[in-house]
Amino acid sequence: MGAPRVLLLGAPGAGKGTQSRRLVDEFDIEHVTTGDALRANKDMETEYGTPREYMDAGDLVPDPVVNEIVEAALSDAEGFVLDGYPRNESQTEYLDDITDLDAVLYLEVAEAELVERITGRRVCEDCGANYHVEFNPPEEPGVCDECGGDLYQRDDDTEEVARDRIDTYRENTEPVVEYFREKGTLVEIDGEQTPEEVWEDVRAAVADRTDP
């Protein structure tokens, strides 16, 4: 089996990070995220300047710059799981031009479930370990199992912010889902199953669509 080229789509809280890590381990491929690619190439020169110029100013990095950074990251990877890009139709068309994807997977999760997942997340302020008050609670509430540090809820994990993030996702990224659905390459996966059940569907979908 060749190294697969996978695009993983889903709203905040859908489980993309968990499934991406499993894909990396299972298929020995790179995990490419927009944020990591931008941080790793902050000083890469493009026709529109460097990512650092926009990031230092607190501005959104424009599509042409993001596109070039992602293209550079993908060109260095024999196989990859792409997470967090594309975020709009323009980026989608660019991606379609620069690479042939083996699998486009969409983790479907209802909004109420997404909000519950996001608002229940807790992070250790000392070591950064992650927990969930329902799905992965610490042995002692509010205390990290790993180092004994205090657990806290991130500002962007409150219900108001979570719903705003989901709304933004739907506005910008759902056309991306529709693009691949109309193209006939989208695989829709029930993201409300257990992580193990989701993984079985993800692994099977990638294996079925990767050249032997």
N, C-alpha and C. Protein backbone atom coordinates (compact mmCIF):
# COMPACT_ATOMS: atom_id res chain seq x y z
N MET A 1 0.83 -1.19 0.00
CA MET A 1 0.00 0.00 0.00
C MET A 1 0.87 1.25 0.00
N GLY A 2 0.57 2.19 -0.89
CA GLY A 2 1.30 3.44 -0.91
C GLY A 2 0.91 4.32 0.27
N ALA A 3 1.72 5.34 0.52
CA ALA A 3 1.40 6.27 1.62
C ALA A 3 0.18 7.10 1.24
N PRO A 4 -0.91 7.02 2.02
CA PRO A 4 -2.13 7.70 1.63
C PRO A 4 -2.06 9.21 1.81
N ARG A 5 -2.84 9.91 0.99
CA ARG A 5 -2.99 11.36 1.09
C ARG A 5 -4.44 11.63 1.47
N VAL A 6 -4.63 12.05 2.73
CA VAL A 6 -5.96 12.11 3.33
C VAL A 6 -6.30 13.54 3.72
N LEU A 7 -7.53 13.95 3.42
CA LEU A 7 -8.07 15.21 3.92
C LEU A 7 -9.13 14.86 4.95
N LEU A 8 -9.00 15.42 6.16
CA LEU A 8 -9.94 15.14 7.24
C LEU A 8 -10.72 16.42 7.55
N LEU A 9 -12.04 16.34 7.39
CA LEU A 9 -12.92 17.49 7.60
C LEU A 9 -13.84 17.24 8.79
N GLY A 10 -14.21 18.31 9.47
CA GLY A 10 -15.13 18.20 10.60
C GLY A 10 -15.11 19.47 11.41
N ALA A 11 -16.19 19.75 12.09
CA ALA A 11 -16.31 20.97 12.90
C ALA A 11 -15.41 20.88 14.14
N PRO A 12 -15.18 22.01 14.81
CA PRO A 12 -14.44 21.96 16.09
C PRO A 12 -15.12 20.98 17.05
N GLY A 13 -14.33 20.10 17.64
CA GLY A 13 -14.89 19.12 18.56
C GLY A 13 -15.29 17.82 17.91
N ALA A 14 -15.12 17.70 16.60
CA ALA A 14 -15.55 16.48 15.90
C ALA A 14 -14.59 15.31 16.10
N GLY A 15 -13.38 15.58 16.57
CA GLY A 15 -12.42 14.51 16.82
C GLY A 15 -11.33 14.39 15.78
N LYS A 16 -11.11 15.46 15.01
CA LYS A 16 -10.11 15.39 13.94
C LYS A 16 -8.71 15.13 14.51
N GLY A 17 -8.39 15.76 15.63
CA GLY A 17 -7.06 15.59 16.20
C GLY A 17 -6.79 14.15 16.60
N THR A 18 -7.75 13.53 17.26
CA THR A 18 -7.61 12.14 17.69
C THR A 18 -7.43 11.21 16.51
N GLN A 19 -8.27 11.37 15.50
CA GLN A 19 -8.19 10.48 14.34
C GLN A 19 -6.95 10.76 13.49
N SER A 20 -6.53 12.01 13.43
CA SER A 20 -5.30 12.34 12.70
C SER A 20 -4.10 11.63 13.31
N ARG A 21 -4.01 11.66 14.64
CA ARG A 21 -2.88 11.00 15.31
C ARG A 21 -2.88 9.50 15.01
N ARG A 22 -4.05 8.90 14.97
CA ARG A 22 -4.12 7.47 14.68
C ARG A 22 -3.71 7.18 13.23
N LEU A 23 -4.13 8.04 12.33
CA LEU A 23 -3.74 7.86 10.92
C LEU A 23 -2.22 7.96 10.77
N VAL A 24 -1.62 8.92 11.45
CA VAL A 24 -0.16 9.09 11.40
C VAL A 24 0.54 7.81 11.86
N ASP A 25 0.06 7.26 12.99
CA ASP A 25 0.69 6.05 13.54
C ASP A 25 0.45 4.83 12.66
N GLU A 26 -0.76 4.70 12.14
CA GLU A 26 -1.14 3.50 11.38
C GLU A 26 -0.46 3.46 10.02
N PHE A 27 -0.41 4.61 9.33
CA PHE A 27 0.07 4.61 7.95
C PHE A 27 1.44 5.27 7.78
N ASP A 28 2.04 5.72 8.89
CA ASP A 28 3.37 6.34 8.86
C ASP A 28 3.38 7.52 7.89
N ILE A 29 2.46 8.45 8.10
CA ILE A 29 2.35 9.63 7.25
C ILE A 29 2.50 10.89 8.10
N GLU A 30 2.60 12.03 7.43
CA GLU A 30 2.75 13.31 8.11
C GLU A 30 1.39 13.88 8.50
N HIS A 31 1.34 14.56 9.66
CA HIS A 31 0.14 15.30 10.05
C HIS A 31 0.38 16.77 9.69
N VAL A 32 -0.33 17.27 8.71
CA VAL A 32 -0.14 18.64 8.24
C VAL A 32 -1.33 19.49 8.67
N THR A 33 -1.08 20.49 9.51
CA THR A 33 -2.11 21.44 9.91
C THR A 33 -1.68 22.83 9.45
N THR A 34 -2.66 23.68 9.21
CA THR A 34 -2.34 25.03 8.76
C THR A 34 -1.48 25.76 9.78
N GLY A 35 -1.87 25.67 11.06
CA GLY A 35 -1.13 26.37 12.10
C GLY A 35 0.32 25.93 12.18
N ASP A 36 0.54 24.61 12.19
CA ASP A 36 1.91 24.10 12.27
C ASP A 36 2.72 24.50 11.04
N ALA A 37 2.08 24.43 9.85
CA ALA A 37 2.79 24.77 8.61
C ALA A 37 3.19 26.24 8.61
N LEU A 38 2.29 27.11 9.10
CA LEU A 38 2.61 28.54 9.14
C LEU A 38 3.73 28.82 10.14
N ARG A 39 3.65 28.19 11.31
CA ARG A 39 4.69 28.42 12.32
C ARG A 39 6.05 27.91 11.84
N ALA A 40 6.04 26.80 11.11
CA ALA A 40 7.31 26.23 10.64
C ALA A 40 7.91 27.01 9.48
N ASN A 41 7.08 27.81 8.82
CA ASN A 41 7.54 28.55 7.63
C ASN A 41 7.25 30.04 7.74
N LYS A 42 7.39 30.57 8.94
CA LYS A 42 7.03 31.98 9.19
C LYS A 42 7.77 32.96 8.28
N ASP A 43 8.98 32.59 7.90
CA ASP A 43 9.80 33.51 7.13
C ASP A 43 9.90 33.14 5.65
N MET A 44 9.02 32.25 5.21
CA MET A 44 9.03 31.87 3.80
C MET A 44 8.53 33.04 2.95
N GLU A 45 9.33 33.40 1.95
CA GLU A 45 8.99 34.53 1.09
C GLU A 45 7.95 34.11 0.05
N THR A 46 6.90 34.90 -0.06
CA THR A 46 5.89 34.69 -1.11
C THR A 46 5.67 36.03 -1.81
N GLU A 47 4.90 35.99 -2.87
CA GLU A 47 4.59 37.22 -3.60
C GLU A 47 3.87 38.24 -2.71
N TYR A 48 3.23 37.73 -1.65
CA TYR A 48 2.44 38.60 -0.77
C TYR A 48 3.11 38.82 0.58
N GLY A 49 4.41 38.54 0.68
CA GLY A 49 5.12 38.72 1.93
C GLY A 49 5.27 37.41 2.68
N THR A 50 5.78 37.49 3.91
CA THR A 50 5.97 36.29 4.73
C THR A 50 4.80 36.14 5.71
N PRO A 51 4.52 34.91 6.15
CA PRO A 51 3.49 34.73 7.17
C PRO A 51 3.76 35.54 8.43
N ARG A 52 5.06 35.67 8.79
CA ARG A 52 5.40 36.39 10.02
C ARG A 52 4.85 37.82 10.01
N GLU A 53 4.90 38.48 8.86
CA GLU A 53 4.42 39.86 8.78
C GLU A 53 2.96 39.97 9.21
N TYR A 54 2.15 39.01 8.81
CA TYR A 54 0.72 39.04 9.16
C TYR A 54 0.51 38.57 10.59
N MET A 55 1.22 37.51 10.98
CA MET A 55 1.04 36.95 12.32
C MET A 55 1.49 37.94 13.39
N ASP A 56 2.60 38.62 13.18
CA ASP A 56 3.10 39.59 14.16
C ASP A 56 2.16 40.79 14.29
N ALA A 57 1.46 41.09 13.20
CA ALA A 57 0.51 42.22 13.23
C ALA A 57 -0.86 41.80 13.76
N GLY A 58 -1.03 40.50 14.01
CA GLY A 58 -2.31 40.01 14.50
C GLY A 58 -3.36 39.90 13.41
N ASP A 59 -2.92 39.90 12.16
CA ASP A 59 -3.86 39.83 11.03
C ASP A 59 -4.00 38.38 10.53
N LEU A 60 -5.12 38.11 9.88
CA LEU A 60 -5.29 36.82 9.23
C LEU A 60 -4.30 36.70 8.08
N VAL A 61 -3.68 35.55 7.96
CA VAL A 61 -2.77 35.32 6.84
C VAL A 61 -3.64 35.09 5.60
N PRO A 62 -3.43 35.88 4.53
CA PRO A 62 -4.30 35.78 3.35
C PRO A 62 -4.17 34.44 2.64
N ASP A 63 -5.22 34.08 1.91
CA ASP A 63 -5.27 32.79 1.23
C ASP A 63 -4.04 32.49 0.37
N PRO A 64 -3.58 33.44 -0.47
CA PRO A 64 -2.43 33.10 -1.33
C PRO A 64 -1.20 32.67 -0.55
N VAL A 65 -0.98 33.30 0.63
CA VAL A 65 0.17 32.93 1.45
C VAL A 65 -0.05 31.56 2.08
N VAL A 66 -1.24 31.35 2.64
CA VAL A 66 -1.56 30.05 3.23
C VAL A 66 -1.43 28.95 2.19
N ASN A 67 -1.93 29.20 0.99
CA ASN A 67 -1.86 28.20 -0.07
C ASN A 67 -0.43 27.78 -0.36
N GLU A 68 0.46 28.77 -0.47
CA GLU A 68 1.86 28.43 -0.78
C GLU A 68 2.52 27.66 0.35
N ILE A 69 2.19 28.04 1.59
CA ILE A 69 2.77 27.35 2.74
C ILE A 69 2.30 25.90 2.78
N VAL A 70 1.01 25.69 2.57
CA VAL A 70 0.48 24.32 2.59
C VAL A 70 1.07 23.50 1.44
N GLU A 71 1.18 24.11 0.27
CA GLU A 71 1.76 23.40 -0.88
C GLU A 71 3.19 22.95 -0.56
N ALA A 72 3.97 23.83 0.09
CA ALA A 72 5.34 23.47 0.45
C ALA A 72 5.35 22.31 1.44
N ALA A 73 4.43 22.33 2.41
CA ALA A 73 4.37 21.26 3.41
C ALA A 73 3.98 19.93 2.77
N LEU A 74 3.03 19.96 1.84
CA LEU A 74 2.59 18.72 1.21
C LEU A 74 3.65 18.17 0.27
N SER A 75 4.41 19.06 -0.37
CA SER A 75 5.43 18.60 -1.31
C SER A 75 6.55 17.84 -0.62
N ASP A 76 6.73 18.10 0.68
CA ASP A 76 7.77 17.43 1.44
C ASP A 76 7.31 16.10 2.04
N ALA A 77 6.01 15.79 1.91
CA ALA A 77 5.45 14.61 2.54
C ALA A 77 5.08 13.56 1.50
N GLU A 78 5.54 12.33 1.70
CA GLU A 78 5.15 11.25 0.79
C GLU A 78 3.67 10.93 0.96
N GLY A 79 3.22 10.91 2.20
CA GLY A 79 1.81 10.73 2.52
C GLY A 79 1.46 11.68 3.65
N PHE A 80 0.18 12.01 3.79
CA PHE A 80 -0.19 13.00 4.81
C PHE A 80 -1.66 12.87 5.18
N VAL A 81 -1.97 13.41 6.36
CA VAL A 81 -3.36 13.70 6.72
C VAL A 81 -3.42 15.21 6.93
N LEU A 82 -4.26 15.85 6.15
CA LEU A 82 -4.38 17.31 6.15
C LEU A 82 -5.57 17.70 7.01
N ASP A 83 -5.32 18.57 7.99
CA ASP A 83 -6.33 18.91 9.00
C ASP A 83 -6.32 20.43 9.19
N GLY A 84 -7.48 21.07 9.00
CA GLY A 84 -7.57 22.52 9.19
C GLY A 84 -7.44 23.32 7.90
N TYR A 85 -7.33 22.66 6.80
CA TYR A 85 -7.23 23.29 5.48
C TYR A 85 -7.81 22.28 4.49
N PRO A 86 -8.59 22.72 3.52
CA PRO A 86 -8.97 24.10 3.19
C PRO A 86 -10.14 24.60 4.04
N ARG A 87 -10.23 25.93 4.17
CA ARG A 87 -11.28 26.55 4.98
C ARG A 87 -12.31 27.28 4.15
N ASN A 88 -12.14 27.33 2.84
CA ASN A 88 -13.12 28.00 1.98
C ASN A 88 -12.99 27.43 0.57
N GLU A 89 -13.87 27.88 -0.31
CA GLU A 89 -13.90 27.32 -1.66
C GLU A 89 -12.64 27.65 -2.46
N SER A 90 -12.11 28.86 -2.26
CA SER A 90 -10.90 29.24 -2.98
C SER A 90 -9.73 28.31 -2.63
N GLN A 91 -9.55 28.05 -1.34
CA GLN A 91 -8.49 27.14 -0.91
C GLN A 91 -8.75 25.72 -1.41
N THR A 92 -10.03 25.34 -1.45
CA THR A 92 -10.39 24.00 -1.91
C THR A 92 -9.98 23.79 -3.36
N GLU A 93 -10.28 24.77 -4.19
CA GLU A 93 -9.92 24.67 -5.61
C GLU A 93 -8.40 24.63 -5.78
N TYR A 94 -7.70 25.41 -4.97
CA TYR A 94 -6.24 25.41 -5.03
C TYR A 94 -5.69 24.03 -4.66
N LEU A 95 -6.22 23.46 -3.57
CA LEU A 95 -5.78 22.15 -3.13
C LEU A 95 -6.02 21.09 -4.20
N ASP A 96 -7.18 21.19 -4.84
CA ASP A 96 -7.53 20.22 -5.88
C ASP A 96 -6.55 20.28 -7.06
N ASP A 97 -5.98 21.47 -7.27
CA ASP A 97 -5.04 21.64 -8.38
C ASP A 97 -3.64 21.11 -8.06
N ILE A 98 -3.25 21.12 -6.78
CA ILE A 98 -1.86 20.82 -6.44
C ILE A 98 -1.63 19.38 -5.98
N THR A 99 -2.70 18.64 -5.67
CA THR A 99 -2.50 17.27 -5.21
C THR A 99 -3.70 16.40 -5.54
N ASP A 100 -3.46 15.11 -5.63
CA ASP A 100 -4.54 14.13 -5.80
C ASP A 100 -4.75 13.43 -4.47
N LEU A 101 -5.91 13.65 -3.88
CA LEU A 101 -6.21 13.06 -2.59
C LEU A 101 -6.72 11.63 -2.77
N ASP A 102 -6.30 10.74 -1.87
CA ASP A 102 -6.80 9.37 -1.89
C ASP A 102 -8.14 9.27 -1.17
N ALA A 103 -8.30 10.05 -0.10
CA ALA A 103 -9.53 9.97 0.69
C ALA A 103 -9.86 11.33 1.28
N VAL A 104 -11.15 11.70 1.20
CA VAL A 104 -11.66 12.91 1.85
C VAL A 104 -12.71 12.44 2.85
N LEU A 105 -12.41 12.56 4.13
CA LEU A 105 -13.26 12.04 5.18
C LEU A 105 -13.92 13.18 5.95
N TYR A 106 -15.20 13.03 6.20
CA TYR A 106 -15.96 14.07 6.93
C TYR A 106 -16.57 13.44 8.17
N LEU A 107 -16.13 13.92 9.35
CA LEU A 107 -16.66 13.43 10.62
C LEU A 107 -17.92 14.22 10.96
N GLU A 108 -19.06 13.55 10.87
CA GLU A 108 -20.34 14.21 11.13
C GLU A 108 -20.71 14.11 12.61
N VAL A 109 -20.94 15.27 13.23
CA VAL A 109 -21.33 15.32 14.64
C VAL A 109 -22.36 16.44 14.80
N ALA A 110 -23.46 16.17 15.50
CA ALA A 110 -24.51 17.17 15.71
C ALA A 110 -23.99 18.30 16.59
N GLU A 111 -24.57 19.49 16.43
CA GLU A 111 -24.09 20.67 17.16
C GLU A 111 -24.14 20.49 18.67
N ALA A 112 -25.23 19.90 19.18
CA ALA A 112 -25.34 19.73 20.64
C ALA A 112 -24.20 18.87 21.18
N GLU A 113 -23.84 17.84 20.44
CA GLU A 113 -22.74 16.97 20.85
C GLU A 113 -21.41 17.72 20.77
N LEU A 114 -21.23 18.53 19.72
CA LEU A 114 -19.99 19.30 19.59
C LEU A 114 -19.82 20.24 20.78
N VAL A 115 -20.89 20.94 21.14
CA VAL A 115 -20.83 21.89 22.26
C VAL A 115 -20.48 21.16 23.56
N GLU A 116 -21.09 19.99 23.78
CA GLU A 116 -20.80 19.21 24.98
C GLU A 116 -19.34 18.79 25.03
N ARG A 117 -18.83 18.36 23.89
CA ARG A 117 -17.43 17.93 23.85
C ARG A 117 -16.49 19.10 24.14
N ILE A 118 -16.75 20.25 23.51
CA ILE A 118 -15.85 21.39 23.65
C ILE A 118 -15.90 21.97 25.05
N THR A 119 -17.10 22.18 25.58
CA THR A 119 -17.22 22.84 26.89
C THR A 119 -16.76 21.94 28.03
N GLY A 120 -16.71 20.63 27.80
CA GLY A 120 -16.27 19.72 28.85
C GLY A 120 -14.77 19.51 28.91
N ARG A 121 -14.04 20.10 27.96
CA ARG A 121 -12.59 19.91 27.94
C ARG A 121 -11.91 20.68 29.07
N ARG A 122 -10.90 20.05 29.66
CA ARG A 122 -10.10 20.69 30.70
C ARG A 122 -8.63 20.42 30.41
N VAL A 123 -7.79 21.40 30.72
CA VAL A 123 -6.35 21.31 30.43
C VAL A 123 -5.56 21.58 31.70
N CYS A 124 -4.48 20.83 31.90
CA CYS A 124 -3.62 21.06 33.06
C CYS A 124 -2.78 22.32 32.82
N GLU A 125 -2.81 23.22 33.78
CA GLU A 125 -2.07 24.48 33.60
C GLU A 125 -0.56 24.28 33.75
N ASP A 126 -0.14 23.13 34.26
CA ASP A 126 1.29 22.88 34.45
C ASP A 126 1.90 22.06 33.30
N CYS A 127 1.28 20.91 32.97
CA CYS A 127 1.91 20.03 31.97
C CYS A 127 1.14 19.98 30.65
N GLY A 128 -0.06 20.58 30.61
CA GLY A 128 -0.80 20.63 29.36
C GLY A 128 -1.61 19.39 29.03
N ALA A 129 -1.67 18.42 29.96
CA ALA A 129 -2.46 17.21 29.71
C ALA A 129 -3.94 17.57 29.53
N ASN A 130 -4.63 16.82 28.67
CA ASN A 130 -6.02 17.11 28.35
C ASN A 130 -6.97 16.09 28.97
N TYR A 131 -8.11 16.60 29.43
CA TYR A 131 -9.14 15.75 30.02
C TYR A 131 -10.51 16.21 29.52
N HIS A 132 -11.53 15.43 29.87
CA HIS A 132 -12.92 15.83 29.62
C HIS A 132 -13.72 15.42 30.84
N VAL A 133 -14.59 16.33 31.29
CA VAL A 133 -15.31 16.07 32.53
C VAL A 133 -16.20 14.83 32.45
N GLU A 134 -16.63 14.46 31.24
CA GLU A 134 -17.50 13.28 31.08
C GLU A 134 -16.78 12.11 30.43
N PHE A 135 -16.09 12.38 29.32
CA PHE A 135 -15.55 11.29 28.51
C PHE A 135 -14.16 10.82 28.96
N ASN A 136 -13.41 11.70 29.61
CA ASN A 136 -12.06 11.33 30.06
C ASN A 136 -11.72 12.11 31.33
N PRO A 137 -12.46 11.86 32.42
CA PRO A 137 -12.26 12.65 33.64
C PRO A 137 -10.99 12.25 34.39
N PRO A 138 -10.39 13.18 35.13
CA PRO A 138 -9.26 12.82 35.98
C PRO A 138 -9.76 12.01 37.18
N GLU A 139 -8.84 11.33 37.85
CA GLU A 139 -9.23 10.54 39.02
C GLU A 139 -9.82 11.44 40.11
N GLU A 140 -9.22 12.61 40.29
CA GLU A 140 -9.73 13.59 41.26
C GLU A 140 -10.18 14.82 40.49
N PRO A 141 -11.45 15.24 40.63
CA PRO A 141 -11.94 16.38 39.86
C PRO A 141 -11.05 17.61 40.02
N GLY A 142 -10.69 18.20 38.88
CA GLY A 142 -9.92 19.43 38.88
C GLY A 142 -8.44 19.27 39.08
N VAL A 143 -7.97 18.00 39.19
CA VAL A 143 -6.55 17.76 39.46
C VAL A 143 -5.98 16.82 38.40
N CYS A 144 -4.84 17.19 37.84
CA CYS A 144 -4.20 16.40 36.79
C CYS A 144 -3.65 15.08 37.34
N ASP A 145 -3.97 13.98 36.65
CA ASP A 145 -3.43 12.67 37.05
C ASP A 145 -1.92 12.60 36.87
N GLU A 146 -1.42 13.33 35.88
CA GLU A 146 -0.01 13.21 35.51
C GLU A 146 0.92 13.93 36.49
N CYS A 147 0.55 15.18 36.85
CA CYS A 147 1.49 15.98 37.65
C CYS A 147 0.87 16.64 38.88
N GLY A 148 -0.44 16.48 39.05
CA GLY A 148 -1.10 17.09 40.20
C GLY A 148 -1.44 18.56 40.01
N GLY A 149 -1.23 19.07 38.81
CA GLY A 149 -1.55 20.47 38.55
C GLY A 149 -3.05 20.72 38.48
N ASP A 150 -3.43 22.01 38.52
CA ASP A 150 -4.84 22.38 38.44
C ASP A 150 -5.32 22.32 37.00
N LEU A 151 -6.54 21.85 36.83
CA LEU A 151 -7.15 21.81 35.50
C LEU A 151 -8.02 23.05 35.31
N TYR A 152 -8.03 23.57 34.09
CA TYR A 152 -8.84 24.75 33.81
C TYR A 152 -9.52 24.62 32.45
N GLN A 153 -10.55 25.45 32.26
CA GLN A 153 -11.25 25.49 30.98
C GLN A 153 -10.69 26.66 30.16
N ARG A 154 -10.23 26.39 28.96
CA ARG A 154 -9.69 27.44 28.12
C ARG A 154 -10.79 28.44 27.75
N ASP A 155 -10.38 29.67 27.51
CA ASP A 155 -11.35 30.72 27.16
C ASP A 155 -12.16 30.36 25.93
N ASP A 156 -11.53 29.68 24.96
CA ASP A 156 -12.24 29.36 23.73
C ASP A 156 -13.03 28.05 23.83
N ASP A 157 -13.13 27.49 25.05
CA ASP A 157 -13.94 26.29 25.26
C ASP A 157 -15.24 26.58 26.00
N THR A 158 -15.56 27.86 26.22
CA THR A 158 -16.85 28.21 26.82
C THR A 158 -17.96 28.01 25.79
N GLU A 159 -19.21 27.90 26.26
CA GLU A 159 -20.31 27.60 25.35
C GLU A 159 -20.49 28.70 24.30
N GLU A 160 -20.41 29.96 24.73
CA GLU A 160 -20.62 31.05 23.78
C GLU A 160 -19.58 31.02 22.66
N VAL A 161 -18.32 30.86 23.05
CA VAL A 161 -17.25 30.84 22.06
C VAL A 161 -17.36 29.58 21.19
N ALA A 162 -17.73 28.44 21.83
CA ALA A 162 -17.87 27.20 21.08
C ALA A 162 -18.91 27.33 19.98
N ARG A 163 -20.05 27.92 20.33
CA ARG A 163 -21.11 28.08 19.33
C ARG A 163 -20.69 29.05 18.22
N ASP A 164 -19.94 30.08 18.58
CA ASP A 164 -19.43 31.02 17.56
C ASP A 164 -18.47 30.29 16.61
N ARG A 165 -17.61 29.44 17.16
CA ARG A 165 -16.66 28.70 16.35
C ARG A 165 -17.38 27.74 15.40
N ILE A 166 -18.42 27.10 15.90
CA ILE A 166 -19.19 26.17 15.07
C ILE A 166 -19.91 26.93 13.96
N ASP A 167 -20.48 28.10 14.31
CA ASP A 167 -21.16 28.92 13.29
C ASP A 167 -20.19 29.36 12.20
N THR A 168 -19.00 29.78 12.63
CA THR A 168 -17.98 30.21 11.67
C THR A 168 -17.58 29.05 10.77
N TYR A 169 -17.42 27.87 11.38
CA TYR A 169 -17.08 26.68 10.60
C TYR A 169 -18.14 26.43 9.53
N ARG A 170 -19.39 26.46 9.94
CA ARG A 170 -20.47 26.16 8.99
C ARG A 170 -20.49 27.17 7.85
N GLU A 171 -20.31 28.42 8.20
CA GLU A 171 -20.37 29.47 7.18
C GLU A 171 -19.24 29.32 6.17
N ASN A 172 -18.04 29.03 6.66
CA ASN A 172 -16.87 29.02 5.78
C ASN A 172 -16.55 27.65 5.18
N THR A 173 -16.73 26.60 5.97
CA THR A 173 -16.18 25.31 5.59
C THR A 173 -17.21 24.34 5.06
N GLU A 174 -18.48 24.51 5.37
CA GLU A 174 -19.46 23.58 4.83
C GLU A 174 -19.49 23.58 3.30
N PRO A 175 -19.24 24.73 2.64
CA PRO A 175 -19.12 24.66 1.17
C PRO A 175 -17.99 23.74 0.71
N VAL A 176 -16.95 23.60 1.54
CA VAL A 176 -15.85 22.68 1.21
C VAL A 176 -16.36 21.24 1.22
N VAL A 177 -17.16 20.92 2.24
CA VAL A 177 -17.75 19.59 2.34
C VAL A 177 -18.63 19.33 1.12
N GLU A 178 -19.43 20.32 0.77
CA GLU A 178 -20.34 20.16 -0.37
C GLU A 178 -19.56 20.00 -1.68
N TYR A 179 -18.45 20.69 -1.80
CA TYR A 179 -17.60 20.59 -3.00
C TYR A 179 -17.19 19.14 -3.23
N PHE A 180 -16.68 18.49 -2.18
CA PHE A 180 -16.21 17.12 -2.33
C PHE A 180 -17.38 16.14 -2.42
N ARG A 181 -18.51 16.49 -1.79
CA ARG A 181 -19.69 15.64 -1.92
C ARG A 181 -20.17 15.60 -3.37
N GLU A 182 -20.23 16.79 -3.99
CA GLU A 182 -20.67 16.86 -5.38
C GLU A 182 -19.67 16.18 -6.31
N LYS A 183 -18.41 16.22 -5.94
CA LYS A 183 -17.37 15.57 -6.75
C LYS A 183 -17.41 14.05 -6.63
N GLY A 184 -18.09 13.57 -5.58
CA GLY A 184 -18.22 12.13 -5.39
C GLY A 184 -17.07 11.49 -4.64
N THR A 185 -16.22 12.31 -3.99
CA THR A 185 -15.06 11.76 -3.29
C THR A 185 -15.20 11.81 -1.77
N LEU A 186 -16.30 12.35 -1.27
CA LEU A 186 -16.48 12.53 0.17
C LEU A 186 -16.95 11.23 0.81
N VAL A 187 -16.30 10.86 1.92
CA VAL A 187 -16.75 9.72 2.73
C VAL A 187 -17.27 10.29 4.05
N GLU A 188 -18.55 10.11 4.31
CA GLU A 188 -19.16 10.65 5.53
C GLU A 188 -19.14 9.59 6.62
N ILE A 189 -18.58 9.96 7.76
CA ILE A 189 -18.39 9.04 8.88
C ILE A 189 -19.14 9.55 10.10
N ASP A 190 -19.83 8.66 10.78
CA ASP A 190 -20.57 9.01 11.99
C ASP A 190 -19.59 9.30 13.11
N GLY A 191 -19.37 10.57 13.38
CA GLY A 191 -18.42 10.98 14.40
C GLY A 191 -18.94 10.90 15.81
N GLU A 192 -20.20 10.48 15.98
CA GLU A 192 -20.78 10.36 17.33
C GLU A 192 -20.60 8.97 17.91
N GLN A 193 -19.97 8.09 17.17
CA GLN A 193 -19.62 6.78 17.71
C GLN A 193 -18.49 6.94 18.73
N THR A 194 -18.13 5.85 19.38
CA THR A 194 -16.96 5.89 20.26
C THR A 194 -15.72 6.17 19.40
N PRO A 195 -14.67 6.73 19.99
CA PRO A 195 -13.44 6.97 19.22
C PRO A 195 -12.93 5.71 18.52
N GLU A 196 -13.07 4.55 19.16
CA GLU A 196 -12.61 3.30 18.55
C GLU A 196 -13.45 2.96 17.32
N GLU A 197 -14.76 3.14 17.42
CA GLU A 197 -15.65 2.84 16.29
C GLU A 197 -15.40 3.81 15.14
N VAL A 198 -15.19 5.09 15.48
CA VAL A 198 -14.87 6.07 14.44
C VAL A 198 -13.58 5.67 13.75
N TRP A 199 -12.59 5.27 14.55
CA TRP A 199 -11.29 4.89 13.98
C TRP A 199 -11.43 3.71 13.02
N GLU A 200 -12.24 2.73 13.37
CA GLU A 200 -12.42 1.58 12.49
C GLU A 200 -12.97 2.03 11.13
N ASP A 201 -13.92 2.96 11.14
CA ASP A 201 -14.48 3.47 9.89
C ASP A 201 -13.46 4.29 9.11
N VAL A 202 -12.69 5.12 9.84
CA VAL A 202 -11.66 5.95 9.20
C VAL A 202 -10.60 5.06 8.56
N ARG A 203 -10.09 4.11 9.30
CA ARG A 203 -9.03 3.23 8.79
C ARG A 203 -9.51 2.46 7.57
N ALA A 204 -10.73 1.94 7.65
CA ALA A 204 -11.27 1.16 6.52
C ALA A 204 -11.43 2.03 5.28
N ALA A 205 -11.92 3.26 5.48
CA ALA A 205 -12.12 4.16 4.34
C ALA A 205 -10.80 4.50 3.66
N VAL A 206 -9.76 4.74 4.45
CA VAL A 206 -8.45 5.08 3.88
C VAL A 206 -7.85 3.86 3.18
N ALA A 207 -7.92 2.71 3.84
CA ALA A 207 -7.35 1.50 3.26
C ALA A 207 -8.03 1.15 1.92
N ASP A 208 -9.34 1.33 1.87
CA ASP A 208 -10.09 0.99 0.66
C ASP A 208 -9.74 1.90 -0.52
N ARG A 209 -9.28 3.12 -0.21
CA ARG A 209 -9.08 4.11 -1.27
C ARG A 209 -7.61 4.38 -1.57
N THR A 210 -6.73 3.60 -0.99
CA THR A 210 -5.30 3.78 -1.23
C THR A 210 -4.80 2.71 -2.18
N ASP A 211 -4.01 3.14 -3.15
CA ASP A 211 -3.48 2.19 -4.13
C ASP A 211 -2.64 1.12 -3.43
N PRO A 212 -2.81 -0.15 -3.83
CA PRO A 212 -2.01 -1.21 -3.21
C PRO A 212 -0.54 -1.08 -3.62
